[in-house]
Amino acid sequence: MQSPPESLSIKLPSGLTLAGLRWGASHQPLVLALHGWLDNAATFNELAPLLSDFQILAIDFAGHGLSDHRPAGVSYHIWDNITDILGLLSEIGCSACHVLGHSMGAIVAMLLAVTFPERVKSIALIDGLWPLTSQPEDVPSQLRKALMRQIQHHQRRMPIYMSFDEALTARQRNTPLSLRAVQHIVERGLQKLPEGWQWRNDLRLTLPSPVRLTDAQAEAFIQQLDRPSHLFLASNGLWQQYPYLQEKMSKLNSINVTEVLGHHHFHLEVEGAVILAPLLRAFWHHYSEPDVLNDQ
């Protein structure tokens, strides 16, 4: 079992600062861990300590957790995270690393591995891979919806909770997450204000994407993925809940798939982390060389 993680703050060439948590030593092979939408680096709090022969660097994406928000007037496009990651790897002096992603983080990992394969040793994906897509004929209506929401956005405010427990209950509501699992996300994601508790997340993250990939474009990314890849699907996760994702399984010929008992955030539960950890370690050991992560 490892010591508590080290908190990091890394300024990118763009001027944006990303926060993160690091487990392990700098001489161990580096795994960059990417969380899901509206989560944060603490989503790996249960899993990372079980991966003691690797250094795990879990970042908060821009607008999430303790990381900077993007400047006013700037949107959050999923591919902008790739630019941030490339800047981060340059800042820490890492030419290539393993990437672990959950949900949205898994999609970012896939896009990164296809567009910049020389920076990625392997990708391990937790209940995520296929990006949200639109049919070509739906692109105009998707753009209209997104622009209308942007216009209305300035009237919206992040809710205030009177207590930490109220925020905890709200985050757990209508999810299968245990209280312990939710607490990891909430403790890192909340800030205390004079009037109460509020999420640190940028409210712009909830705006719809102006443009989505089409199914054909998403499939082109999957087909061009040539990095070692393993998808760990939750037995009761997104791919079981949405039939359109099940239809995509036939497109994953180059990706190994393992089903793990649990819900979409199974890696954040004690039981799920215990199951997943040895599977990840075995996968990474096939493709690992020591990496050195610069002290920040």
Foldseek 3Di string as FASTA:
>chain_A
DWDFWDWDWDQFPVRWIKIWTKTEAQFAAEEEEEEAQQFFQLLQVQQVVLQHRHIYIYIGQALFFPTHHDDPPDADDLQVSLVVVVRRCVRQVAQAHAYEYAASGQQSVLVNCLVPVRRYQEYEYAAYHFDDADAPVCLVVLLVQLVVCVVCVVVDDFDFDAALVVVLCVQCPPHPDDSQLSCSRSVRQWDADPRHITGSGDPSSPGGDSHGHHPVVSLVSLVSRDHAAEYEHEPAEDCVVDVVNVVCPVSNPRYHYHYFYDYSSLCSDNVSSVVVNVVVSVSVVVRDDTGGGHDD
